[in-house]
Amino acid sequence: MKTISIRLTSPLQSYGNEAQFARRTTGDYPSKSAIVGMLAAALGYQRDDPAINALNDLLFAVRVDQPGQVMTEFQTAEWKPGTRKLTYRDLLQDAV
């Protein structure tokens, strides 16, 4: 079996979990859809490319070397001229 190992490390990471406009949480590690999305982007696939379906069939495992800490930041979004909303985003700090 061929295997590829990808080390994901950065000061801030986020792996979508619950997503509402006002609050977006993160998972503790990358989901399969996050990895498939990264691979598809690296291969130059468009979102509607049928070749992505083959990536969904890949076996997938995650090893957490350093769990990191969850940090919550806030962002101001202007979704209509003159109308601003405050939103919260969770990010992982220093996760590997």
N, C-alpha and C. Protein backbone atom coordinates (compact mmCIF):
# COMPACT_ATOMS: atom_id res chain seq x y z
N MET A 1 0.85 -1.18 0.00
CA MET A 1 0.00 0.00 0.00
C MET A 1 0.90 1.25 0.00
N LYS A 2 0.62 2.16 -0.89
CA LYS A 2 1.35 3.42 -0.93
C LYS A 2 0.80 4.34 0.15
N THR A 3 1.70 5.11 0.76
CA THR A 3 1.31 6.00 1.86
C THR A 3 1.95 7.36 1.65
N ILE A 4 1.23 8.38 2.00
CA ILE A 4 1.78 9.73 2.01
C ILE A 4 1.58 10.29 3.41
N SER A 5 2.58 10.96 3.89
CA SER A 5 2.50 11.57 5.22
C SER A 5 2.59 13.08 5.03
N ILE A 6 1.65 13.80 5.59
CA ILE A 6 1.61 15.27 5.48
C ILE A 6 1.69 15.84 6.89
N ARG A 7 2.69 16.63 7.16
CA ARG A 7 2.84 17.25 8.48
C ARG A 7 2.18 18.63 8.41
N LEU A 8 1.11 18.79 9.16
CA LEU A 8 0.40 20.05 9.19
C LEU A 8 0.77 20.79 10.47
N THR A 9 1.54 21.83 10.32
CA THR A 9 1.97 22.62 11.47
C THR A 9 1.98 24.09 11.08
N SER A 10 1.44 24.91 11.95
CA SER A 10 1.45 26.36 11.73
C SER A 10 1.04 27.04 13.03
N PRO A 11 1.26 28.33 13.14
CA PRO A 11 0.86 29.02 14.37
C PRO A 11 -0.65 28.95 14.62
N LEU A 12 -1.46 29.02 13.54
CA LEU A 12 -2.92 28.95 13.68
C LEU A 12 -3.49 28.01 12.62
N GLN A 13 -4.40 27.13 13.05
CA GLN A 13 -5.08 26.23 12.13
C GLN A 13 -6.55 26.21 12.51
N SER A 14 -7.39 25.85 11.56
CA SER A 14 -8.81 25.71 11.86
C SER A 14 -9.39 24.63 10.96
N TYR A 15 -10.12 23.71 11.56
CA TYR A 15 -10.77 22.63 10.83
C TYR A 15 -12.25 22.68 11.15
N GLY A 16 -13.01 23.24 10.22
CA GLY A 16 -14.42 23.51 10.41
C GLY A 16 -15.18 22.42 11.13
N ASN A 17 -15.96 22.83 12.07
CA ASN A 17 -16.78 21.93 12.86
C ASN A 17 -18.20 22.44 12.75
N GLU A 18 -18.70 23.08 13.77
CA GLU A 18 -20.01 23.73 13.67
C GLU A 18 -19.82 25.08 12.99
N ALA A 19 -20.73 25.40 12.10
CA ALA A 19 -20.59 26.66 11.37
C ALA A 19 -21.93 27.39 11.33
N GLN A 20 -22.02 28.41 12.12
CA GLN A 20 -23.13 29.33 12.07
C GLN A 20 -22.50 30.68 11.75
N PHE A 21 -23.31 31.64 11.38
CA PHE A 21 -22.70 32.92 11.02
C PHE A 21 -21.98 33.55 12.21
N ALA A 22 -22.60 33.54 13.37
CA ALA A 22 -22.05 34.23 14.52
C ALA A 22 -20.93 33.44 15.20
N ARG A 23 -20.89 32.13 15.00
CA ARG A 23 -19.90 31.30 15.72
C ARG A 23 -19.42 30.17 14.81
N ARG A 24 -18.11 30.00 14.73
CA ARG A 24 -17.54 28.89 13.95
C ARG A 24 -16.50 28.20 14.82
N THR A 25 -16.74 26.93 15.12
CA THR A 25 -15.82 26.18 15.96
C THR A 25 -14.83 25.40 15.09
N THR A 26 -13.85 24.79 15.75
CA THR A 26 -12.86 24.00 15.03
C THR A 26 -12.75 22.62 15.65
N GLY A 27 -12.40 21.64 14.83
CA GLY A 27 -12.10 20.32 15.34
C GLY A 27 -10.70 20.30 15.92
N ASP A 28 -10.37 19.25 16.66
CA ASP A 28 -9.05 19.14 17.27
C ASP A 28 -7.99 18.66 16.28
N TYR A 29 -8.43 18.15 15.15
CA TYR A 29 -7.53 17.63 14.12
C TYR A 29 -8.25 17.73 12.78
N PRO A 30 -7.52 17.62 11.67
CA PRO A 30 -8.16 17.79 10.36
C PRO A 30 -9.14 16.66 10.05
N SER A 31 -10.25 17.02 9.48
CA SER A 31 -11.25 16.03 9.04
C SER A 31 -10.81 15.47 7.68
N LYS A 32 -11.44 14.38 7.29
CA LYS A 32 -11.12 13.80 5.98
C LYS A 32 -11.44 14.80 4.88
N SER A 33 -12.55 15.53 5.01
CA SER A 33 -12.90 16.50 3.97
C SER A 33 -11.85 17.61 3.87
N ALA A 34 -11.24 17.98 5.00
CA ALA A 34 -10.18 19.00 4.96
C ALA A 34 -8.97 18.48 4.18
N ILE A 35 -8.58 17.23 4.44
CA ILE A 35 -7.43 16.64 3.75
C ILE A 35 -7.74 16.45 2.27
N VAL A 36 -8.93 15.95 1.96
CA VAL A 36 -9.33 15.78 0.56
C VAL A 36 -9.31 17.14 -0.16
N GLY A 37 -9.79 18.17 0.50
CA GLY A 37 -9.78 19.51 -0.09
C GLY A 37 -8.37 20.02 -0.35
N MET A 38 -7.46 19.78 0.60
CA MET A 38 -6.06 20.20 0.40
C MET A 38 -5.41 19.44 -0.75
N LEU A 39 -5.65 18.13 -0.80
CA LEU A 39 -5.09 17.33 -1.90
C LEU A 39 -5.66 17.77 -3.25
N ALA A 40 -6.96 17.99 -3.30
CA ALA A 40 -7.60 18.43 -4.55
C ALA A 40 -7.03 19.77 -5.00
N ALA A 41 -6.85 20.69 -4.06
CA ALA A 41 -6.28 22.00 -4.41
C ALA A 41 -4.85 21.85 -4.91
N ALA A 42 -4.07 20.99 -4.24
CA ALA A 42 -2.68 20.78 -4.66
C ALA A 42 -2.60 20.16 -6.05
N LEU A 43 -3.59 19.34 -6.39
CA LEU A 43 -3.62 18.71 -7.71
C LEU A 43 -4.26 19.60 -8.77
N GLY A 44 -4.76 20.77 -8.36
CA GLY A 44 -5.35 21.71 -9.31
C GLY A 44 -6.77 21.39 -9.72
N TYR A 45 -7.47 20.55 -8.94
CA TYR A 45 -8.85 20.21 -9.26
C TYR A 45 -9.79 21.37 -8.95
N GLN A 46 -10.80 21.54 -9.77
CA GLN A 46 -11.87 22.48 -9.49
C GLN A 46 -12.88 21.79 -8.56
N ARG A 47 -13.73 22.56 -7.91
CA ARG A 47 -14.71 21.98 -6.97
C ARG A 47 -15.62 20.94 -7.61
N ASP A 48 -15.95 21.12 -8.87
CA ASP A 48 -16.88 20.20 -9.54
C ASP A 48 -16.17 19.11 -10.34
N ASP A 49 -14.86 18.96 -10.16
CA ASP A 49 -14.10 17.96 -10.90
C ASP A 49 -14.46 16.56 -10.39
N PRO A 50 -14.90 15.66 -11.25
CA PRO A 50 -15.26 14.31 -10.81
C PRO A 50 -14.08 13.51 -10.25
N ALA A 51 -12.85 13.92 -10.54
CA ALA A 51 -11.68 13.21 -10.02
C ALA A 51 -11.59 13.29 -8.49
N ILE A 52 -12.27 14.26 -7.90
CA ILE A 52 -12.28 14.38 -6.43
C ILE A 52 -12.92 13.15 -5.80
N ASN A 53 -13.86 12.53 -6.50
CA ASN A 53 -14.53 11.35 -5.94
C ASN A 53 -13.52 10.23 -5.64
N ALA A 54 -12.49 10.11 -6.43
CA ALA A 54 -11.46 9.09 -6.17
C ALA A 54 -10.71 9.39 -4.88
N LEU A 55 -10.52 10.67 -4.57
CA LEU A 55 -9.84 11.04 -3.33
C LEU A 55 -10.69 10.66 -2.11
N ASN A 56 -12.01 10.69 -2.26
CA ASN A 56 -12.89 10.32 -1.15
C ASN A 56 -12.74 8.85 -0.77
N ASP A 57 -12.25 8.02 -1.69
CA ASP A 57 -12.09 6.59 -1.43
C ASP A 57 -10.78 6.26 -0.70
N LEU A 58 -9.91 7.23 -0.52
CA LEU A 58 -8.64 6.99 0.15
C LEU A 58 -8.85 6.66 1.63
N LEU A 59 -7.99 5.78 2.15
CA LEU A 59 -7.99 5.52 3.59
C LEU A 59 -7.29 6.69 4.26
N PHE A 60 -7.65 6.94 5.49
CA PHE A 60 -7.24 8.18 6.14
C PHE A 60 -6.98 7.92 7.61
N ALA A 61 -5.89 8.44 8.12
CA ALA A 61 -5.59 8.35 9.56
C ALA A 61 -4.94 9.66 9.99
N VAL A 62 -5.11 10.00 11.26
CA VAL A 62 -4.53 11.23 11.80
C VAL A 62 -3.73 10.88 13.05
N ARG A 63 -2.55 11.45 13.16
CA ARG A 63 -1.77 11.34 14.39
C ARG A 63 -1.58 12.75 14.91
N VAL A 64 -1.94 12.98 16.15
CA VAL A 64 -1.77 14.30 16.76
C VAL A 64 -0.49 14.27 17.59
N ASP A 65 0.52 15.02 17.15
CA ASP A 65 1.78 15.09 17.88
C ASP A 65 1.74 16.15 18.97
N GLN A 66 1.05 17.23 18.70
CA GLN A 66 0.93 18.33 19.65
C GLN A 66 -0.47 18.90 19.50
N PRO A 67 -1.34 18.70 20.49
CA PRO A 67 -2.75 19.08 20.31
C PRO A 67 -3.01 20.58 20.15
N GLY A 68 -2.18 21.42 20.68
CA GLY A 68 -2.44 22.86 20.57
C GLY A 68 -3.55 23.29 21.51
N GLN A 69 -3.80 24.58 21.54
CA GLN A 69 -4.84 25.15 22.40
C GLN A 69 -5.82 25.92 21.54
N VAL A 70 -7.09 25.88 21.94
CA VAL A 70 -8.12 26.60 21.19
C VAL A 70 -8.09 28.07 21.59
N MET A 71 -8.07 28.92 20.60
CA MET A 71 -8.13 30.37 20.79
C MET A 71 -9.37 30.87 20.06
N THR A 72 -10.09 31.78 20.67
CA THR A 72 -11.26 32.37 20.02
C THR A 72 -10.93 33.80 19.64
N GLU A 73 -11.13 34.12 18.38
CA GLU A 73 -10.96 35.50 17.93
C GLU A 73 -12.31 36.02 17.47
N PHE A 74 -12.42 37.31 17.40
CA PHE A 74 -13.66 37.87 16.86
C PHE A 74 -13.34 38.67 15.61
N GLN A 75 -14.32 38.69 14.74
CA GLN A 75 -14.19 39.43 13.48
C GLN A 75 -15.44 40.29 13.31
N THR A 76 -15.26 41.43 12.72
CA THR A 76 -16.39 42.28 12.38
C THR A 76 -16.67 42.10 10.90
N ALA A 77 -17.90 41.71 10.59
CA ALA A 77 -18.29 41.49 9.19
C ALA A 77 -19.34 42.52 8.81
N GLU A 78 -19.12 43.18 7.69
CA GLU A 78 -20.11 44.12 7.17
C GLU A 78 -20.82 43.42 6.03
N TRP A 79 -22.02 42.95 6.28
CA TRP A 79 -22.74 42.18 5.27
C TRP A 79 -23.74 43.01 4.50
N LYS A 80 -24.08 44.18 4.97
CA LYS A 80 -24.83 45.19 4.22
C LYS A 80 -24.16 46.51 4.51
N PRO A 81 -24.16 47.44 3.59
CA PRO A 81 -23.52 48.73 3.86
C PRO A 81 -24.08 49.37 5.15
N GLY A 82 -23.17 49.64 6.07
CA GLY A 82 -23.56 50.26 7.32
C GLY A 82 -24.06 49.29 8.39
N THR A 83 -24.15 48.01 8.07
CA THR A 83 -24.61 47.01 9.04
C THR A 83 -23.46 46.07 9.35
N ARG A 84 -23.02 46.09 10.58
CA ARG A 84 -21.90 45.25 10.99
C ARG A 84 -22.36 44.23 12.02
N LYS A 85 -21.75 43.05 11.92
CA LYS A 85 -22.02 41.99 12.89
C LYS A 85 -20.69 41.49 13.43
N LEU A 86 -20.71 41.12 14.70
CA LEU A 86 -19.55 40.55 15.34
C LEU A 86 -19.65 39.03 15.27
N THR A 87 -18.60 38.37 14.79
CA THR A 87 -18.59 36.92 14.70
C THR A 87 -17.39 36.38 15.47
N TYR A 88 -17.49 35.14 15.90
CA TYR A 88 -16.42 34.49 16.66
C TYR A 88 -15.91 33.27 15.91
N ARG A 89 -14.60 33.11 15.88
CA ARG A 89 -13.96 31.99 15.18
C ARG A 89 -12.98 31.32 16.14
N ASP A 90 -13.06 29.99 16.25
CA ASP A 90 -12.10 29.24 17.05
C ASP A 90 -10.95 28.79 16.15
N LEU A 91 -9.75 28.88 16.68
CA LEU A 91 -8.54 28.47 15.97
C LEU A 91 -7.68 27.64 16.90
N LEU A 92 -6.90 26.72 16.34
CA LEU A 92 -5.94 25.95 17.12
C LEU A 92 -4.60 26.68 17.08
N GLN A 93 -4.00 26.89 18.24
CA GLN A 93 -2.68 27.53 18.31
C GLN A 93 -1.60 26.46 18.44
N ASP A 94 -0.58 26.55 17.61
CA ASP A 94 0.61 25.71 17.69
C ASP A 94 0.33 24.22 17.69
N ALA A 95 -0.63 23.78 16.92
CA ALA A 95 -0.94 22.35 16.81
C ALA A 95 -0.06 21.71 15.75
N VAL A 96 0.29 20.46 15.97
CA VAL A 96 1.06 19.67 15.00
C VAL A 96 0.36 18.33 14.86
